[in-house]
């Protein structure tokens, strides 16, 4: 048989450690052991009731067909109002583009702002999907180290240590996998530095709303410069992960090219999701109830984990993650996660997905689930660790 020329593209085909671990967990469950999943970054609750009702109402009067590539005007205007309400920041609705999730927003940012071969820096640890997306799109990912003393948030000094010129920097506050937040003064210093050096700064704010402490107040990077691109999502705080809806705040001159790019890639964001999101923005009382549960879960882990050896982690100011240093417990966090899964039925995410250089020394626990699951997971780990 002659050698075939047909084969899959290798772009973006990097296997996910998280998916492999999930498959391993299903094998454990098939043997009769219940697994508590603390590896997934997804709320265990559904969309707020107001969002569901809004879609029912919209579907009775509309075919919910294509919208403009930038999204329905009502939602863009409501998000602009959101910035005024939550941050005291005036953002023109014309600068807001609704996207196919935050992942879609990041793809639009990478394609719309950087030519092939551009170098974009990511602080380690970071959300692994961004690194793989860059490689797929021909943008060079430049990982750089940050310190646990700065809660894994990048400083100007960290960026100045990067070898060679860079074209962009992406940071997240609250961060994934750490849950840590960047203080307002640090965001300002970072934004001023990047503007001075003509480095495109992209602020990932998809965990905004899920914050616990007043010592590091939540602030949007949109408050510091119109040149910063802000990415947000309805997946986390709004508990609408599968609805695949996000948004961007753009410099005015970027709105048209990004909208054109979105149209060419996927026509428009999901229409039903847009009508649901329009009303989800007014469901804060219900959604803040979820945040109260996340905080309770965080407090349980922070109080109980150190006695089991998980005693070094960045302060989780927000999101729903605890990123623990485990080098003293095992040399390989992937193997450690497998041993914990098989030993006590608790699945966490090994850090190798989040950091090229140091990830094998860390494990991420998600506490987005029920408090009962968190308490049971702690009991199981205590018995497994002999505590």
Protein backbone atom coordinates (compact mmCIF):
# COMPACT_ATOMS: atom_id res chain seq x y z
CA UNK A 1 0.00 0.00 0.00
CA UNK A 2 1.41 3.40 -1.00
CA UNK A 3 2.15 5.97 1.67
CA UNK A 4 -0.79 8.35 2.07
CA UNK A 5 -0.49 12.11 1.95
CA UNK A 6 -3.52 12.47 4.20
CA UNK A 7 -2.79 13.21 7.85
CA UNK A 8 -4.09 15.49 10.59
CA UNK A 9 -2.55 18.89 11.06
CA UNK A 10 -0.29 19.11 14.08
CA UNK A 11 -1.31 22.67 14.86
CA UNK A 12 -3.08 22.94 18.19
CA UNK A 13 -3.12 19.18 18.67
CA UNK A 14 -1.18 19.23 21.95
CA UNK A 15 -2.81 16.70 24.29
CA UNK A 16 -4.34 18.06 27.48
CA UNK A 17 -3.11 16.65 30.77
CA UNK A 18 -6.52 17.51 32.24
CA UNK A 19 -8.33 15.37 29.68
CA UNK A 20 -5.98 12.45 30.31
CA UNK A 21 -6.58 12.72 34.05
CA UNK A 22 -10.33 12.83 33.53
CA UNK A 23 -10.15 9.62 31.48
CA UNK A 24 -8.11 8.02 34.25
CA UNK A 25 -10.77 9.05 36.77
CA UNK A 26 -13.48 7.41 34.68
CA UNK A 27 -11.46 4.17 34.81
CA UNK A 28 -11.33 4.44 38.61
CA UNK A 29 -15.09 5.01 38.73
CA UNK A 30 -15.66 2.00 36.49
CA UNK A 31 -14.07 -0.10 39.25
CA UNK A 32 -16.72 1.07 41.71
CA UNK A 33 -14.99 3.96 43.48
CA UNK A 34 -16.68 7.36 43.61
CA UNK A 35 -14.38 10.15 42.47
CA UNK A 36 -14.58 13.70 43.78
CA UNK A 37 -13.57 16.01 40.95
CA UNK A 38 -11.49 18.94 42.19
CA UNK A 39 -9.69 19.45 38.89
CA UNK A 40 -12.29 21.22 36.77
CA UNK A 41 -12.54 25.02 36.58
CA UNK A 42 -16.29 25.14 36.16
CA UNK A 43 -19.07 26.28 38.49
CA UNK A 44 -21.21 23.41 39.73
CA UNK A 45 -24.30 25.61 39.42
CA UNK A 46 -26.28 26.53 36.32
CA UNK A 47 -27.17 29.86 34.78
CA UNK A 48 -29.20 32.29 36.91
CA UNK A 49 -32.95 31.99 36.68
CA UNK A 50 -33.27 35.40 35.03
CA UNK A 51 -31.12 34.29 32.12
CA UNK A 52 -33.25 31.19 31.49
CA UNK A 53 -36.46 33.22 31.63
CA UNK A 54 -35.02 35.79 29.22
CA UNK A 55 -34.28 33.14 26.58
CA UNK A 56 -37.77 31.70 26.87
CA UNK A 57 -39.23 35.15 26.33
CA UNK A 58 -36.89 35.98 23.43
CA UNK A 59 -37.56 32.67 21.68
CA UNK A 60 -41.31 33.35 21.70
CA UNK A 61 -40.91 36.56 19.69
CA UNK A 62 -37.75 35.95 17.64
CA UNK A 63 -36.15 33.23 15.53
CA UNK A 64 -32.90 34.03 17.40
CA UNK A 65 -30.98 34.19 14.13
CA UNK A 66 -27.63 35.77 13.37
CA UNK A 67 -26.71 39.03 15.08
CA UNK A 68 -23.97 41.45 14.15
CA UNK A 69 -20.47 40.08 14.66
CA UNK A 70 -19.96 42.46 17.60
CA UNK A 71 -23.14 41.31 19.35
CA UNK A 72 -26.53 42.80 20.07
CA UNK A 73 -26.46 46.53 20.98
CA UNK A 74 -28.50 46.02 24.17
CA UNK A 75 -25.90 43.68 25.63
CA UNK A 76 -22.98 45.92 24.68
CA UNK A 77 -24.73 48.86 26.33
CA UNK A 78 -25.54 46.85 29.45
CA UNK A 79 -21.91 45.75 29.79
CA UNK A 80 -20.80 49.38 29.48
CA UNK A 81 -23.19 50.18 32.33
CA UNK A 82 -21.68 47.28 34.28
CA UNK A 83 -18.24 48.93 34.16
CA UNK A 84 -19.70 52.12 35.59
CA UNK A 85 -21.62 50.27 38.31
CA UNK A 86 -18.87 47.90 39.43
CA UNK A 87 -15.69 49.89 38.86
CA UNK A 88 -16.72 53.52 38.39
CA UNK A 89 -15.11 53.40 34.95
CA UNK A 90 -16.71 54.94 31.85
CA UNK A 91 -16.44 52.57 28.88
CA UNK A 92 -18.13 53.46 25.59
CA UNK A 93 -20.40 50.60 24.48
CA UNK A 94 -18.96 51.03 20.97
CA UNK A 95 -15.64 49.67 22.34
CA UNK A 96 -17.26 46.42 23.51
CA UNK A 97 -17.35 43.34 21.27
CA UNK A 98 -19.30 40.23 22.32
CA UNK A 99 -17.38 37.04 21.58
CA UNK A 100 -17.64 33.27 21.37
CA UNK A 101 -16.49 32.80 24.96
CA UNK A 102 -13.34 34.25 26.51
CA UNK A 103 -11.34 31.70 24.51
CA UNK A 104 -12.79 33.20 21.34
CA UNK A 105 -11.89 36.66 22.61
CA UNK A 106 -8.30 35.58 23.20
CA UNK A 107 -8.05 34.07 19.70
CA UNK A 108 -9.37 37.32 18.25
CA UNK A 109 -6.81 39.24 20.31
CA UNK A 110 -3.91 37.08 19.17
CA UNK A 111 -4.86 37.13 15.49
CA UNK A 112 -6.04 40.74 15.49
CA UNK A 113 -3.07 42.27 17.31
CA UNK A 114 -0.05 40.15 16.40
CA UNK A 115 1.48 39.09 13.11
CA UNK A 116 2.98 35.60 12.71
CA UNK A 117 6.25 35.37 14.58
CA UNK A 118 5.30 37.97 17.20
CA UNK A 119 6.42 37.19 20.76
CA UNK A 120 3.80 37.30 23.51
CA UNK A 121 4.80 36.75 27.14
CA UNK A 122 2.85 34.68 29.67
CA UNK A 123 3.68 34.56 33.38
CA UNK A 124 4.19 31.05 34.71
CA UNK A 125 1.85 29.55 35.91
CA UNK A 126 -0.89 30.40 33.41
CA UNK A 127 -3.95 28.90 31.73
CA UNK A 128 -2.51 26.29 29.38
CA UNK A 129 -4.99 26.91 26.54
CA UNK A 130 -3.45 30.31 25.78
CA UNK A 131 -0.01 28.82 25.19
CA UNK A 132 -1.36 26.17 22.84
CA UNK A 133 -3.52 28.72 21.00
CA UNK A 134 -0.46 30.86 20.34
CA UNK A 135 1.41 27.98 18.75
CA UNK A 136 -1.60 27.20 16.58
CA UNK A 137 -1.81 30.81 15.39
CA UNK A 138 1.88 31.28 14.66
CA UNK A 139 2.57 33.49 17.67
CA UNK A 140 5.55 32.62 19.85
CA UNK A 141 4.67 32.06 23.49
CA UNK A 142 7.35 33.42 25.83
CA UNK A 143 6.83 31.98 29.33
CA UNK A 144 8.49 33.95 32.12
CA UNK A 145 8.88 33.32 35.82
CA UNK A 146 7.04 35.14 38.60
CA UNK A 147 7.40 34.61 42.33
CA UNK A 148 5.13 33.10 44.93
CA UNK A 149 6.08 36.07 47.13
CA UNK A 150 4.21 38.29 44.61
CA UNK A 151 1.37 35.74 44.55
CA UNK A 152 2.46 34.64 41.06
CA UNK A 153 1.42 38.00 39.61
CA UNK A 154 3.88 39.61 37.15
CA UNK A 155 5.83 42.76 38.00
CA UNK A 156 7.66 45.19 35.74
CA UNK A 157 10.91 43.72 37.08
CA UNK A 158 9.82 40.23 35.98
CA UNK A 159 9.12 41.46 32.45
CA UNK A 160 12.42 43.30 32.22
CA UNK A 161 14.23 40.00 32.79
CA UNK A 162 12.73 38.49 29.61
CA UNK A 163 15.39 37.94 26.97
CA UNK A 164 14.75 39.67 23.65
CA UNK A 165 11.97 42.01 22.64
CA UNK A 166 8.34 41.09 23.22
CA UNK A 167 5.23 42.34 21.46
CA UNK A 168 2.62 41.52 24.09
CA UNK A 169 1.92 40.43 27.67
CA UNK A 170 -1.12 38.56 28.98
CA UNK A 171 -1.94 38.51 32.68
CA UNK A 172 -4.95 37.32 34.68
CA UNK A 173 -6.31 38.71 37.93
CA UNK A 174 -7.77 36.73 39.66
CA UNK A 175 -5.44 34.18 38.14
CA UNK A 176 -5.80 30.61 36.97
CA UNK A 177 -4.44 28.37 38.49
CA UNK A 178 -3.55 30.49 41.53
CA UNK A 179 -6.66 32.51 42.42
CA UNK A 180 -4.37 35.40 43.34
CA UNK A 181 -5.07 39.03 42.42
CA UNK A 182 -2.84 41.89 41.32
CA UNK A 183 -2.98 45.03 43.49
CA UNK A 184 -4.23 48.17 41.77
CA UNK A 185 -0.87 49.96 42.00
CA UNK A 186 0.84 46.99 40.35
CA UNK A 187 -1.69 47.00 37.48
CA UNK A 188 -1.03 50.70 36.96
CA UNK A 189 2.75 50.23 36.94
CA UNK A 190 2.44 47.34 34.50
CA UNK A 191 0.13 49.25 32.17
CA UNK A 192 2.33 52.37 32.16
CA UNK A 193 5.43 50.29 31.45
CA UNK A 194 3.80 48.37 28.59
CA UNK A 195 2.44 51.54 26.97
CA UNK A 196 5.83 53.22 27.25
CA UNK A 197 7.55 50.21 25.67
CA UNK A 198 4.80 49.74 23.03
CA UNK A 199 3.95 46.29 24.37
CA UNK A 200 0.34 45.23 23.89
CA UNK A 201 -1.16 44.40 27.29
CA UNK A 202 -4.09 41.98 27.52
CA UNK A 203 -5.94 41.67 30.82
CA UNK A 204 -7.79 38.39 31.41
CA UNK A 205 -10.59 39.27 33.85
CA UNK A 206 -12.80 36.21 33.46
CA UNK A 207 -12.86 35.54 37.22
CA UNK A 208 -13.97 39.05 38.15
CA UNK A 209 -16.91 38.91 40.54
CA UNK A 210 -15.47 35.87 42.34
CA UNK A 211 -13.43 37.77 44.92
CA UNK A 212 -13.21 37.29 48.67
CA UNK A 213 -10.93 39.81 50.35
CA UNK A 214 -10.94 43.55 50.72
CA UNK A 215 -7.14 43.70 51.08
CA UNK A 216 -6.75 43.34 47.30
CA UNK A 217 -9.74 45.15 45.77
CA UNK A 218 -10.96 44.12 42.35
CA UNK A 219 -10.08 46.59 39.60
CA UNK A 220 -10.37 46.40 35.83
CA UNK A 221 -7.38 47.26 33.67
CA UNK A 222 -9.78 49.33 31.55
CA UNK A 223 -9.44 51.99 34.27
CA UNK A 224 -5.81 52.68 33.34
CA UNK A 225 -5.65 52.96 29.55
CA UNK A 226 -7.84 52.65 26.47
CA UNK A 227 -4.94 50.80 24.83
CA UNK A 228 -5.30 47.77 27.10
CA UNK A 229 -7.43 44.93 25.77
CA UNK A 230 -9.72 43.49 28.44
CA UNK A 231 -11.18 39.99 28.09
CA UNK A 232 -14.09 38.77 30.21
CA UNK A 233 -16.62 35.95 30.20
CA UNK A 234 -20.03 34.81 31.39
CA UNK A 235 -18.61 31.35 32.21
CA UNK A 236 -17.35 31.82 35.76
CA UNK A 237 -19.10 34.39 37.97
CA UNK A 238 -22.28 34.21 35.87
CA UNK A 239 -22.21 30.38 35.97
CA UNK A 240 -22.84 30.08 32.22
CA UNK A 241 -19.82 28.00 31.17
CA UNK A 242 -21.46 26.01 28.36
CA UNK A 243 -23.19 29.05 26.88
CA UNK A 244 -19.88 30.09 25.27
CA UNK A 245 -20.18 33.84 25.63
CA UNK A 246 -17.59 36.44 26.50
CA UNK A 247 -16.64 39.99 25.64
CA UNK A 248 -13.74 42.30 24.92
CA UNK A 249 -13.08 45.95 25.69
CA UNK A 250 -10.99 47.30 22.81
CA UNK A 251 -9.27 50.48 21.73
CA UNK A 252 -11.69 52.28 19.43
CA UNK A 253 -9.54 51.73 16.33
CA UNK A 254 -9.53 47.94 16.97
CA UNK A 255 -13.31 47.46 17.05
CA UNK A 256 -13.92 47.29 13.30
CA UNK A 257 -11.01 44.97 12.40
CA UNK A 258 -11.78 42.65 15.34
CA UNK A 259 -15.48 42.57 14.42
CA UNK A 260 -14.59 41.77 10.81
CA UNK A 261 -12.28 39.01 11.98
CA UNK A 262 -15.01 37.57 14.22
CA UNK A 263 -17.46 37.59 11.32
CA UNK A 264 -14.99 35.76 9.08
CA UNK A 265 -14.25 33.15 11.75
CA UNK A 266 -17.69 32.38 13.23
CA UNK A 267 -20.23 34.96 11.96
CA UNK A 268 -21.48 36.03 15.39
CA UNK A 269 -21.64 34.97 19.03
CA UNK A 270 -24.50 32.64 20.06
CA UNK A 271 -27.75 34.59 19.92
CA UNK A 272 -29.71 32.80 22.69
CA UNK A 273 -26.73 33.22 25.01
CA UNK A 274 -26.66 36.95 24.33
CA UNK A 275 -30.28 37.42 25.37
CA UNK A 276 -29.69 35.30 28.47
CA UNK A 277 -26.54 37.21 29.39
CA UNK A 278 -28.35 40.51 29.07
CA UNK A 279 -30.45 39.56 32.08
CA UNK A 280 -27.77 37.58 33.91
CA UNK A 281 -26.03 40.90 34.55
CA UNK A 282 -28.95 41.82 36.83
CA UNK A 283 -28.88 38.58 38.84
CA UNK A 284 -26.10 39.53 41.24
CA UNK A 285 -27.92 38.55 44.43
CA UNK A 286 -28.25 34.95 43.22
CA UNK A 287 -24.71 34.90 41.84
CA UNK A 288 -23.17 36.41 44.97
CA UNK A 289 -24.67 33.46 46.82
CA UNK A 290 -22.40 31.20 44.76
CA UNK A 291 -19.42 33.38 45.67
CA UNK A 292 -20.26 32.99 49.37
CA UNK A 293 -20.11 29.21 48.90
CA UNK A 294 -16.78 29.42 47.07
CA UNK A 295 -15.40 31.46 49.97
CA UNK A 296 -16.62 28.90 52.48
CA UNK A 297 -15.00 26.13 50.44
CA UNK A 298 -11.76 28.12 50.18
CA UNK A 299 -11.68 28.68 53.93
CA UNK A 300 -12.12 24.95 54.57
CA UNK A 301 -9.19 24.07 52.31
CA UNK A 302 -6.93 26.84 53.59
CA UNK A 303 -7.57 25.70 57.18
CA UNK A 304 -7.27 21.94 56.58
CA UNK A 305 -4.71 21.46 53.80
CA UNK A 306 -1.52 22.61 55.62
CA UNK A 307 -1.79 19.77 58.15
CA UNK A 308 -1.68 17.32 55.22
CA UNK A 309 1.51 18.83 53.81
CA UNK A 310 -0.17 21.21 51.36
CA UNK A 311 1.22 24.20 53.21
CA UNK A 312 2.68 26.44 50.51
CA UNK A 313 0.36 28.30 48.16
CA UNK A 314 -0.39 31.81 46.91
CA UNK A 315 -3.13 33.64 48.77
CA UNK A 316 -6.34 32.80 46.85
CA UNK A 317 -7.97 36.24 46.76
CA UNK A 318 -10.52 35.14 44.17
CA UNK A 319 -11.53 32.58 41.51
CA UNK A 320 -11.96 29.06 42.95
CA UNK A 321 -8.48 27.51 42.93
CA UNK A 322 -5.76 26.56 45.39
CA UNK A 323 -2.37 26.08 43.71
CA UNK A 324 -0.19 24.08 46.07
CA UNK A 325 3.54 23.40 46.02
CA UNK A 326 4.07 19.63 46.44
CA UNK A 327 7.74 19.08 45.59
CA UNK A 328 8.39 18.01 49.19
CA UNK A 329 5.65 15.38 48.84
CA UNK A 330 6.56 14.02 45.41
CA UNK A 331 9.03 14.88 42.66
CA UNK A 332 6.36 14.61 39.95
CA UNK A 333 2.96 16.22 40.54
CA UNK A 334 1.37 14.22 37.70
CA UNK A 335 2.31 10.94 39.35
CA UNK A 336 1.27 12.36 42.71
CA UNK A 337 -2.16 13.29 41.29
CA UNK A 338 -2.57 9.77 39.91
CA UNK A 339 -1.61 8.25 43.25
CA UNK A 340 -4.09 10.50 45.07
CA UNK A 341 -6.82 9.62 42.58
CA UNK A 342 -6.26 5.89 42.95
CA UNK A 343 -5.54 6.10 46.67
CA UNK A 344 -8.51 8.13 47.89
CA UNK A 345 -10.63 8.98 44.85
CA UNK A 346 -9.85 12.71 44.78
CA UNK A 347 -8.85 14.18 41.41
CA UNK A 348 -6.79 17.38 41.26
CA UNK A 349 -5.06 19.00 38.29
CA UNK A 350 -1.28 18.53 38.06
CA UNK A 351 0.60 21.77 37.53
CA UNK A 352 2.35 20.54 34.40
CA UNK A 353 -0.60 21.91 32.42
CA UNK A 354 0.02 25.40 33.79
CA UNK A 355 3.79 25.88 33.84
CA UNK A 356 6.41 24.62 31.42
CA UNK A 357 9.27 24.98 33.87
CA UNK A 358 7.93 24.41 37.38
CA UNK A 359 4.54 22.78 36.91
CA UNK A 360 5.69 19.34 37.99
CA UNK A 361 6.10 20.76 41.50
CA UNK A 362 2.50 21.97 41.86
CA UNK A 363 -1.10 20.76 42.02
CA UNK A 364 -4.28 22.78 41.53
CA UNK A 365 -7.40 22.09 43.55
CA UNK A 366 -10.70 23.57 42.38
CA UNK A 367 -13.32 24.34 45.02
CA UNK A 368 -16.12 25.32 42.65
CA UNK A 369 -18.23 22.35 43.72
CA UNK A 370 -20.50 21.77 46.68
CA UNK A 371 -19.30 22.28 50.23
CA UNK A 372 -20.26 18.67 50.99
CA UNK A 373 -17.85 17.48 48.29
CA UNK A 374 -15.08 19.69 49.62
CA UNK A 375 -15.55 18.36 53.15
CA UNK A 376 -15.60 14.74 51.93
CA UNK A 377 -12.49 15.33 49.82
CA UNK A 378 -10.65 16.72 52.85
CA UNK A 379 -11.65 13.68 54.95
CA UNK A 380 -10.48 11.30 52.24
CA UNK A 381 -7.14 13.08 51.79
CA UNK A 382 -6.55 13.12 55.55
CA UNK A 383 -6.99 9.35 55.74
CA UNK A 384 -4.86 8.83 52.63
CA UNK A 385 -2.09 11.06 53.99
CA UNK A 386 -2.34 9.35 57.38
CA UNK A 387 -3.47 12.55 59.14
